[in-house]
Each structure stands twice: as structure tokens, then as C-alpha cells.
Amino acid sequence: MLVNNTTGPHLWLRAETKPMEHRAALTPSTAKKLIDAGFRITVEKSTQRIFDNEEYAKVGCTIVPFLSWKTDAPSDAYIVGLKELPENDNSPLHHTHIFFAHCFKNQAGWKELLYRFDAGKGTILDLEFLNDKQGRRVAAFGFMAGFAGAAVSLDVWCHQLLHPNGPSLGEIKPYPNEQALIDYAKKRLAEALPLNGNRYPTIMVMGALGRCGSGAVSFARKTGIPEENIIKWDIQETRRGGPFPEIIASDIFVNCIYLNKKIPPFITQAMIDSPTRKLTVICDVSCDTTNPNNPIPVYSINTTFDKPTVPVKTSSTTPLDVISIDHLPTLLPRESSDMFSHDLLPTMLELRTRDQSSVWKDAENLFKEKLALAKRNKSVFVAKL
């Protein structure tokens, strides 16, 4: 094992604890570039990460035990991850954490997480809100999220045809590469299409011009879905405001919008209950399940890779399944990680002069703003007791 001793920023890549999460915020190749730039990088051992521990060791990272950041990470180390911190832990958080915190848009548990950082005097630099001067995210999994969301949607649609009275689609496992996923999808289509009169499904992509929507459209094209069957909607088509009856006229609806304010719902229960509904699969890639402004208010739980769908209650005889997996890109973990880490690298390098970086300063200011809001809510609650 190689140990890197430098005086640059110290990044501590924690092991992910979310089930079926195989991605990494920092790949071995990105770690090597950061080490060459003077960073010190510590990597926790992980059995589920797509990259082997040895791949990191070979480029000069220090390998340490699973979840040792809690007890062993120096106070000045940046704790880097992707998904949420370990569950059932309310201890104070002392470090600066770089991850997708999912607590800045009033999601479930947002205040409680911020209270932990307040108690430990720690900081969140949220990956979702690292924006350049034009307001565009410096790195995102959007394209791969849309790509994977369309893939799972098509798989569910095929399953519905192949097993009309059978159980829901079972566990989904990651693919070694994109071509393996495409080959599987084409095989499933070949089996299912004869049961649909050899008619390809219509796939409606909401937010088709963005990163996420582009990924969904790309997958549909690569699996042979005819262009006229790919319905691409974006700001122009949604300008009038929902609900949109066109959604239930499609077979598959893939929602790829980035929600940052309250908007009218895209779909309603009355539409779901319509006897003329053709729609049988919804994939909410945006996955704003606990967001009070969720524009798809027909489900209330996140699904998972081992249980990818949840049925929607309806008086219609046509079934409807929702996919609401909040880490879809892990379906292609190596390619997703490579793309994200590559895009994140320039911003990570700016940690050497963080106080001069608008990206990092804006992220810290946003954390302080949300923490102040959470503390005000806490004060109001206590005052009412």
C-alpha cells in the first residue's frame, strides 16, 4: 500500500452504505490526478464499490477500514461520498462533507440532518448545488440517470406483457457496461413485441432537452425505438401548465425535470383512473418523492433495485407501475462514476484555494442559509411547546 504524504487538501472517500450503491464520487483515475496535484487521499475499504480497493492503492491512496471516517478522519479532512450517511445515527457531525445531502429542498428529515451538522459545527458542500457562474451544475449524473431510467422503464413494460398475471419485476442488478444493457433490452423487446402486435411502445420524456432527458432519449434510440415513438417534451410543450392528458396516451412516461419550485401536477388520480389510459409505466427519475411539490402525486415511496416498482391504486383495469429509484445511475456504475468524477475534477482542484472559488463559496453560503432556516423552524417549534 502506498501512502501519500502532502500538505494539500485531504480527501477521505467514505464507503457508501446505501444498499446496491456501487458508484464512487472519486474514481482511481481522478484520485491519481488529485494526488499528482498535491492532494492527500484516503479511501475506505468497500465490498460494493465498482472499483476494487487495490485500484486506489495502486495510484497512491491510503486504504483504511470501512466507515473509519467517524473515528479516525482528521478534523480538516473533507469527507467525500455520494448518497446519504449511515442510517440510525443522530450523532453530531464535525467534518466538512461533500455529498448529495438531499436536505436543501425540504425533503423528509432535512432539518434533523442539518441539526447534526449544527451540533458538530460541520459543513455540507452539496454536490447537487455546485454551480458555475452561469448557474449550471459542474458535475451531475443526469445523463446516466435518464439513460438508466428509460432502461428500467422498458424492462418493466416488457415484463408487464410477458407476465400479465404474474409478480412484479424482481431484483435488478448492475451491468458491466452500456453495451451489455443495450443487448439485454433488445432481447427483452424481441420477446415482448409479438405480444403487443409487434408495436413498439411510445415513450414520453419530460425534460427531453436537459442532461437527464437526453440520456433517456439516447437509450430509446440505441435500443431501436422508432423516432416517432419517442415523444420529447420540454419547456415549450409544458408552458401551458399541467395536468397533461398526453401523458396517459403514451405507454411509458419518463420524468426528467429538475424541480426547484411548486408547479401544477403533471398527472392526477382522475387521469390514472381513466378507462382510456394507455400508460402502464411511470419512471420518476427526478424522484422528488417526499418533496411537497412533487408533480407526480400518485405515489409516496421510493422504490429500490431489489423492488424496482410500486403499483398505483386505480379503478381502471389497466395496471400502472411507478419506478422511483433515487440512484438509477448505479445501473451502470463504472461508466456513471467515470463521467461524474471527470466532470467534478476541476472543481475538486479548486479546494486548494477554496476561499477564492465561487463554486465552493456559493455552496457553503447555501448550507448556512438552509441551516439558519432549520434553526428558525426549531425555535418556532420550541416556542409553541
Protein backbone atom coordinates (compact mmCIF):
# COMPACT_ATOMS: atom_id res chain seq x y z
CA MET A 1 0.00 0.00 0.00
CA LEU A 2 1.33 3.41 -0.98
CA VAL A 3 0.93 6.26 1.46
CA ASN A 4 0.89 9.81 0.15
CA ASN A 5 2.21 12.49 2.47
CA THR A 6 1.39 16.01 1.29
CA THR A 7 0.33 19.33 2.69
CA GLY A 8 -2.52 19.81 0.20
CA PRO A 9 -6.23 19.21 0.90
CA HIS A 10 -7.06 15.84 2.44
CA LEU A 11 -9.98 14.00 0.81
CA TRP A 12 -11.45 10.99 2.64
CA LEU A 13 -13.58 8.84 0.34
CA ARG A 14 -16.07 7.10 2.60
CA ALA A 15 -17.67 3.78 1.82
CA GLU A 16 -21.28 4.01 0.65
CA THR A 17 -23.80 2.28 2.91
CA LYS A 18 -26.89 2.62 0.75
CA PRO A 19 -27.84 -0.87 -0.48
CA MET A 20 -26.94 -1.52 -4.13
CA GLU A 21 -24.94 1.71 -4.41
CA HIS A 22 -21.87 0.78 -6.46
CA ARG A 23 -20.74 4.21 -7.70
CA ALA A 24 -17.94 6.39 -6.37
CA ALA A 25 -17.58 10.17 -6.32
CA LEU A 26 -13.85 9.77 -6.93
CA THR A 27 -12.53 7.13 -9.31
CA PRO A 28 -8.97 5.78 -9.18
CA SER A 29 -8.01 7.78 -12.28
CA THR A 30 -9.37 11.02 -10.77
CA ALA A 31 -7.68 10.23 -7.46
CA LYS A 32 -4.35 9.86 -9.28
CA LYS A 33 -4.73 13.31 -10.85
CA LEU A 34 -5.59 14.85 -7.48
CA ILE A 35 -2.61 13.20 -5.80
CA ASP A 36 -0.35 14.48 -8.57
CA ALA A 37 -1.73 17.95 -7.80
CA GLY A 38 -0.71 17.68 -4.14
CA PHE A 39 -3.85 16.24 -2.53
CA ARG A 40 -3.81 13.52 0.08
CA ILE A 41 -6.49 10.88 -0.49
CA THR A 42 -7.75 8.27 1.95
CA VAL A 43 -10.14 5.58 0.73
CA GLU A 44 -12.28 3.36 2.93
CA LYS A 45 -12.48 -0.31 2.11
CA SER A 46 -15.72 -1.26 0.35
CA THR A 47 -17.04 -4.55 -0.96
CA GLN A 48 -19.83 -2.99 -3.04
CA ARG A 49 -17.95 -0.19 -4.79
CA ILE A 50 -17.43 -0.95 -8.51
CA PHE A 51 -13.73 -0.09 -8.17
CA ASP A 52 -11.56 -2.51 -6.20
CA ASN A 53 -9.65 -1.22 -3.18
CA GLU A 54 -6.43 -2.22 -4.95
CA GLU A 55 -7.20 0.14 -7.84
CA TYR A 56 -6.99 3.07 -5.42
CA ALA A 57 -3.94 1.72 -3.61
CA LYS A 58 -2.03 1.44 -6.88
CA VAL A 59 -2.38 5.16 -7.59
CA GLY A 60 -1.20 6.22 -4.13
CA CYS A 61 -4.32 6.36 -1.97
CA THR A 62 -4.19 5.28 1.67
CA ILE A 63 -6.63 2.41 2.29
CA VAL A 64 -8.41 2.38 5.65
CA PRO A 65 -11.20 0.34 7.33
CA PHE A 66 -14.89 0.62 6.46
CA LEU A 67 -16.61 3.69 7.96
CA SER A 68 -13.48 4.72 9.84
CA TRP A 69 -14.13 8.37 8.96
CA LYS A 70 -16.32 8.60 12.05
CA THR A 71 -13.42 7.99 14.44
CA ASP A 72 -10.18 8.38 12.51
CA ALA A 73 -10.57 11.16 9.96
CA PRO A 74 -8.65 14.34 10.90
CA SER A 75 -10.80 17.37 11.55
CA ASP A 76 -9.57 19.11 8.40
CA ALA A 77 -10.33 16.19 6.08
CA TYR A 78 -13.13 16.55 3.55
CA ILE A 79 -15.44 13.51 3.83
CA VAL A 80 -16.43 12.69 0.26
CA GLY A 81 -19.33 10.43 -0.73
CA LEU A 82 -22.41 10.22 -2.88
CA LYS A 83 -25.55 9.11 -1.09
CA GLU A 84 -26.90 9.59 2.40
CA LEU A 85 -24.92 8.99 5.58
CA PRO A 86 -25.43 5.75 7.58
CA GLU A 87 -28.94 5.36 8.99
CA ASN A 88 -29.93 5.26 12.66
CA ASP A 89 -27.23 7.69 13.71
CA ASN A 90 -28.02 11.05 15.25
CA SER A 91 -24.51 11.89 16.40
CA PRO A 92 -23.04 15.37 15.77
CA LEU A 93 -21.13 15.77 12.50
CA HIS A 94 -17.82 17.61 12.80
CA HIS A 95 -16.31 17.44 9.33
CA THR A 96 -16.95 19.17 6.03
CA HIS A 97 -18.90 16.65 3.96
CA ILE A 98 -19.10 16.69 0.17
CA PHE A 99 -22.08 14.57 -0.96
CA PHE A 100 -25.69 14.61 -2.13
CA ALA A 101 -27.29 15.54 1.19
CA HIS A 102 -30.88 15.74 -0.11
CA CYS A 103 -31.84 18.21 2.58
CA PHE A 104 -31.98 21.59 0.83
CA LYS A 105 -35.41 21.20 -0.80
CA ASN A 106 -37.43 20.34 2.33
CA GLN A 107 -37.12 16.60 1.80
CA ALA A 108 -38.06 14.25 4.63
CA GLY A 109 -35.62 14.52 7.52
CA TRP A 110 -33.91 17.67 6.21
CA LYS A 111 -34.00 19.57 9.47
CA GLU A 112 -32.77 16.65 11.54
CA LEU A 113 -29.71 16.21 9.32
CA LEU A 114 -28.89 19.90 9.47
CA TYR A 115 -29.22 19.84 13.26
CA ARG A 116 -26.50 17.16 13.35
CA PHE A 117 -24.14 19.41 11.41
CA ASP A 118 -25.01 22.34 13.64
CA ALA A 119 -24.30 20.28 16.78
CA GLY A 120 -20.89 19.23 15.48
CA LYS A 121 -20.02 22.53 13.74
CA GLY A 122 -19.64 20.65 10.47
CA THR A 123 -20.49 21.79 6.96
CA ILE A 124 -22.30 20.39 3.91
CA LEU A 125 -20.93 21.22 0.48
CA ASP A 126 -23.73 19.63 -1.51
CA LEU A 127 -22.78 18.08 -4.84
CA GLU A 128 -26.23 18.88 -6.22
CA PHE A 129 -25.63 22.60 -5.77
CA LEU A 130 -22.11 23.03 -7.11
CA ASN A 131 -22.84 25.53 -9.88
CA ASP A 132 -20.60 27.53 -12.17
CA LYS A 133 -21.00 31.26 -12.79
CA GLN A 134 -23.68 30.55 -15.40
CA GLY A 135 -25.70 28.60 -12.84
CA ARG A 136 -25.01 25.25 -14.49
CA ARG A 137 -24.06 22.28 -12.35
CA VAL A 138 -20.36 21.47 -12.64
CA ALA A 139 -20.99 17.73 -12.43
CA ALA A 140 -24.14 15.64 -12.49
CA PHE A 141 -25.29 12.09 -13.02
CA GLY A 142 -28.24 13.41 -15.04
CA PHE A 143 -27.47 11.82 -18.40
CA MET A 144 -26.86 8.39 -16.90
CA ALA A 145 -29.90 8.74 -14.64
CA GLY A 146 -32.13 9.33 -17.66
CA PHE A 147 -30.42 6.54 -19.60
CA ALA A 148 -30.91 4.07 -16.75
CA GLY A 149 -34.44 5.28 -16.02
CA ALA A 150 -35.52 4.63 -19.60
CA ALA A 151 -33.83 1.22 -19.44
CA VAL A 152 -35.69 0.13 -16.32
CA SER A 153 -38.94 1.54 -17.72
CA LEU A 154 -38.63 -0.51 -20.88
CA ASP A 155 -37.79 -3.61 -18.86
CA VAL A 156 -40.93 -3.12 -16.73
CA TRP A 157 -43.07 -2.58 -19.86
CA CYS A 158 -41.77 -5.81 -21.37
CA HIS A 159 -42.33 -7.63 -18.08
CA GLN A 160 -45.95 -6.50 -17.96
CA LEU A 161 -46.54 -8.06 -21.38
CA LEU A 162 -44.60 -11.23 -20.66
CA HIS A 163 -46.17 -11.76 -17.22
CA PRO A 164 -49.62 -10.11 -17.30
CA ASN A 165 -50.86 -12.03 -14.27
CA GLY A 166 -47.55 -12.71 -12.65
CA PRO A 167 -45.49 -10.99 -9.96
CA SER A 168 -43.90 -7.58 -10.39
CA LEU A 169 -40.44 -7.28 -11.88
CA GLY A 170 -37.85 -8.65 -9.47
CA GLU A 171 -34.39 -7.50 -8.47
CA ILE A 172 -32.36 -5.52 -10.98
CA LYS A 173 -28.59 -5.87 -10.91
CA PRO A 174 -25.97 -3.51 -12.36
CA TYR A 175 -24.48 -4.10 -15.79
CA PRO A 176 -20.75 -4.21 -16.51
CA ASN A 177 -21.09 -1.75 -19.37
CA GLU A 178 -23.57 0.06 -21.59
CA GLN A 179 -23.48 -2.48 -24.41
CA ALA A 180 -24.47 -5.30 -22.06
CA LEU A 181 -27.52 -3.28 -21.01
CA ILE A 182 -28.46 -2.46 -24.61
CA ASP A 183 -28.13 -6.11 -25.64
CA TYR A 184 -30.39 -7.17 -22.75
CA ALA A 185 -33.01 -4.53 -23.63
CA LYS A 186 -33.12 -5.61 -27.28
CA LYS A 187 -33.56 -9.22 -26.22
CA ARG A 188 -36.46 -8.29 -23.93
CA LEU A 189 -38.10 -6.27 -26.69
CA ALA A 190 -37.81 -9.17 -29.12
CA GLU A 191 -39.66 -11.36 -26.63
CA ALA A 192 -42.36 -8.80 -25.73
CA LEU A 193 -43.22 -7.13 -29.04
CA PRO A 194 -45.13 -10.12 -30.51
CA LEU A 195 -47.45 -9.85 -27.50
CA ASN A 196 -48.14 -6.21 -28.43
CA GLY A 197 -48.95 -6.81 -32.09
CA ASN A 198 -45.28 -6.08 -32.90
CA ARG A 199 -45.92 -2.43 -31.97
CA TYR A 200 -43.11 -0.60 -30.20
CA PRO A 201 -44.05 1.33 -27.07
CA THR A 202 -44.39 5.09 -27.12
CA ILE A 203 -42.04 6.72 -24.62
CA MET A 204 -42.76 10.25 -23.43
CA VAL A 205 -39.75 12.05 -21.97
CA MET A 206 -40.47 15.16 -19.91
CA GLY A 207 -37.47 17.49 -19.84
CA ALA A 208 -36.08 15.97 -23.03
CA LEU A 209 -33.61 18.77 -23.76
CA GLY A 210 -31.77 18.55 -20.45
CA ARG A 211 -28.97 16.20 -19.44
CA CYS A 212 -31.33 13.67 -17.90
CA GLY A 213 -33.86 13.77 -20.71
CA SER A 214 -31.11 13.47 -23.29
CA GLY A 215 -29.99 10.28 -21.59
CA ALA A 216 -33.50 8.81 -21.73
CA VAL A 217 -33.84 9.69 -25.41
CA SER A 218 -30.40 8.24 -26.14
CA PHE A 219 -31.31 4.90 -24.58
CA ALA A 220 -34.57 4.68 -26.51
CA ARG A 221 -32.75 5.31 -29.78
CA LYS A 222 -29.99 2.82 -29.05
CA THR A 223 -32.50 0.05 -28.36
CA GLY A 224 -34.27 0.63 -31.67
CA ILE A 225 -37.37 2.51 -30.56
CA PRO A 226 -38.63 4.36 -33.68
CA GLU A 227 -38.05 8.11 -33.53
CA GLU A 228 -41.78 8.80 -33.92
CA ASN A 229 -42.40 6.74 -30.77
CA ILE A 230 -40.11 8.95 -28.69
CA ILE A 231 -42.18 11.91 -27.55
CA LYS A 232 -39.86 14.70 -26.45
CA TRP A 233 -41.33 17.43 -24.27
CA ASP A 234 -39.57 20.36 -22.65
CA ILE A 235 -40.34 23.95 -21.61
CA GLN A 236 -42.15 24.86 -24.81
CA GLU A 237 -44.58 21.94 -24.62
CA THR A 238 -45.28 22.39 -20.89
CA ARG A 239 -45.67 26.16 -20.97
CA ARG A 240 -49.44 25.98 -20.55
CA GLY A 241 -49.11 24.11 -17.27
CA GLY A 242 -50.40 20.70 -16.21
CA PRO A 243 -52.11 18.36 -15.92
CA PHE A 244 -51.22 16.93 -19.35
CA PRO A 245 -53.62 14.34 -20.84
CA GLU A 246 -50.92 13.50 -23.40
CA ILE A 247 -49.03 11.61 -20.69
CA ILE A 248 -51.63 8.87 -20.33
CA ALA A 249 -51.75 8.45 -24.12
CA SER A 250 -48.18 7.09 -24.01
CA ASP A 251 -47.09 3.64 -22.86
CA ILE A 252 -44.16 4.86 -20.80
CA PHE A 253 -43.64 8.24 -19.10
CA VAL A 254 -40.11 9.21 -18.00
CA ASN A 255 -39.99 12.34 -15.85
CA CYS A 256 -36.62 14.08 -16.10
CA ILE A 257 -37.33 17.62 -14.93
CA TYR A 258 -35.34 19.36 -12.21
CA LEU A 259 -37.87 20.57 -9.67
CA ASN A 260 -36.99 23.79 -7.84
CA LYS A 261 -40.41 25.35 -7.28
CA LYS A 262 -44.07 24.43 -6.97
CA ILE A 263 -45.74 23.68 -10.30
CA PRO A 264 -49.15 22.25 -11.25
CA PRO A 265 -49.20 18.43 -11.25
CA PHE A 266 -48.37 16.66 -14.48
CA ILE A 267 -50.87 13.91 -13.79
CA THR A 268 -53.85 13.39 -11.48
CA GLN A 269 -55.67 10.46 -9.93
CA ALA A 270 -58.63 11.11 -12.22
CA MET A 271 -56.35 10.65 -15.21
CA ILE A 272 -54.95 7.46 -13.70
CA ASP A 273 -58.49 6.14 -13.29
CA SER A 274 -59.47 6.99 -16.86
CA PRO A 275 -60.74 3.95 -18.80
CA THR A 276 -58.89 5.25 -21.88
CA ARG A 277 -55.49 5.40 -20.18
CA LYS A 278 -52.77 3.69 -22.21
CA LEU A 279 -49.95 4.49 -19.79
CA THR A 280 -48.66 1.50 -17.79
CA VAL A 281 -45.19 2.65 -16.63
CA ILE A 282 -44.03 5.85 -14.93
CA CYS A 283 -40.36 6.41 -14.16
CA ASP A 284 -39.82 9.42 -11.93
CA VAL A 285 -36.11 9.90 -12.49
CA SER A 286 -36.30 13.20 -10.63
CA CYS A 287 -37.52 11.17 -7.65
CA ASP A 288 -38.95 14.02 -5.61
CA THR A 289 -40.96 11.51 -3.62
CA THR A 290 -41.01 13.41 -0.33
CA ASN A 291 -40.94 16.86 -1.89
CA PRO A 292 -44.23 18.64 -1.11
CA ASN A 293 -44.20 19.98 -4.69
CA ASN A 294 -43.88 16.60 -6.40
CA PRO A 295 -45.70 16.98 -9.77
CA ILE A 296 -46.48 13.24 -9.90
CA PRO A 297 -48.61 12.88 -6.77
CA VAL A 298 -49.76 9.32 -7.40
CA TYR A 299 -47.14 7.51 -5.31
CA SER A 300 -45.41 8.18 -2.00
CA ILE A 301 -42.46 5.81 -1.59
CA ASN A 302 -39.06 5.32 -3.16
CA THR A 303 -38.52 2.01 -4.88
CA THR A 304 -35.24 0.10 -4.86
CA PHE A 305 -33.16 -2.12 -7.10
CA ASP A 306 -34.43 -5.22 -5.32
CA LYS A 307 -38.04 -3.99 -5.54
CA PRO A 308 -37.99 -1.59 -8.51
CA THR A 309 -41.71 -0.84 -8.86
CA VAL A 310 -44.71 0.12 -6.80
CA PRO A 311 -48.26 -0.33 -8.15
CA VAL A 312 -50.52 2.70 -8.32
CA LYS A 313 -54.00 2.32 -6.91
CA THR A 314 -56.55 2.83 -9.65
CA SER A 315 -60.12 1.97 -10.51
CA SER A 316 -59.01 1.28 -14.09
CA THR A 317 -58.43 -2.29 -15.24
CA THR A 318 -55.15 -1.19 -16.84
CA PRO A 319 -52.28 -1.59 -14.36
CA LEU A 320 -49.77 1.15 -13.67
CA ASP A 321 -46.32 0.73 -12.11
CA VAL A 322 -44.07 3.52 -10.82
CA ILE A 323 -40.28 3.37 -10.71
CA SER A 324 -38.84 5.81 -8.16
CA ILE A 325 -35.28 4.61 -7.57
CA ASP A 326 -33.20 7.52 -6.33
CA HIS A 327 -29.83 6.24 -7.55
CA LEU A 328 -30.59 4.94 -11.02
CA PRO A 329 -27.10 5.63 -12.47
CA THR A 330 -25.71 2.77 -10.38
CA LEU A 331 -27.27 0.50 -13.02
CA LEU A 332 -24.07 1.37 -14.95
CA PRO A 333 -21.79 2.16 -12.02
CA ARG A 334 -18.38 2.28 -13.69
CA GLU A 335 -19.40 4.48 -16.61
CA SER A 336 -21.53 6.72 -14.38
CA SER A 337 -18.69 7.21 -11.91
CA ASP A 338 -16.13 7.86 -14.64
CA MET A 339 -18.30 10.53 -16.25
CA PHE A 340 -19.21 12.26 -12.98
CA SER A 341 -15.72 12.17 -11.46
CA HIS A 342 -14.17 13.50 -14.66
CA ASP A 343 -16.53 16.48 -14.66
CA LEU A 344 -16.04 17.09 -10.92
CA LEU A 345 -12.22 17.10 -11.09
CA PRO A 346 -11.68 20.79 -11.99
CA THR A 347 -13.88 21.86 -9.08
CA MET A 348 -12.16 19.49 -6.66
CA LEU A 349 -8.83 21.03 -7.67
CA GLU A 350 -10.23 24.41 -6.60
CA LEU A 351 -10.33 23.16 -3.00
CA ARG A 352 -6.66 24.20 -2.84
CA THR A 353 -7.90 27.79 -2.87
CA ARG A 354 -11.45 27.23 -1.66
CA ASP A 355 -11.82 30.73 -0.27
CA GLN A 356 -11.31 32.10 -3.80
CA SER A 357 -13.64 29.65 -5.58
CA SER A 358 -17.13 30.96 -6.35
CA VAL A 359 -18.41 27.38 -6.68
CA TRP A 360 -17.35 26.38 -3.18
CA LYS A 361 -18.19 29.73 -1.59
CA ASP A 362 -21.71 29.61 -3.03
CA ALA A 363 -22.14 26.02 -1.79
CA GLU A 364 -21.09 26.99 1.73
CA ASN A 365 -23.36 30.03 1.73
CA LEU A 366 -26.29 27.86 0.68
CA PHE A 367 -25.58 25.50 3.58
CA LYS A 368 -25.53 28.41 6.01
CA GLU A 369 -28.80 29.71 4.58
CA LYS A 370 -30.56 26.33 4.92
CA LEU A 371 -29.13 25.78 8.39
CA ALA A 372 -30.44 29.16 9.53
CA LEU A 373 -33.87 28.23 8.16
CA ALA A 374 -33.83 24.91 10.02
CA LYS A 375 -32.82 26.63 13.24
CA ARG A 376 -35.61 29.19 12.88
CA ASN A 377 -38.11 26.35 12.43
CA LYS A 378 -36.70 24.67 15.51
CA SER A 379 -37.05 27.87 17.53
CA VAL A 380 -40.67 28.27 16.44
CA PHE A 381 -41.42 24.67 17.42
CA VAL A 382 -39.84 25.09 20.86
CA ALA A 383 -41.70 28.37 21.38
CA LYS A 384 -45.01 26.63 20.78
CA LEU A 385 -44.39 23.95 23.40
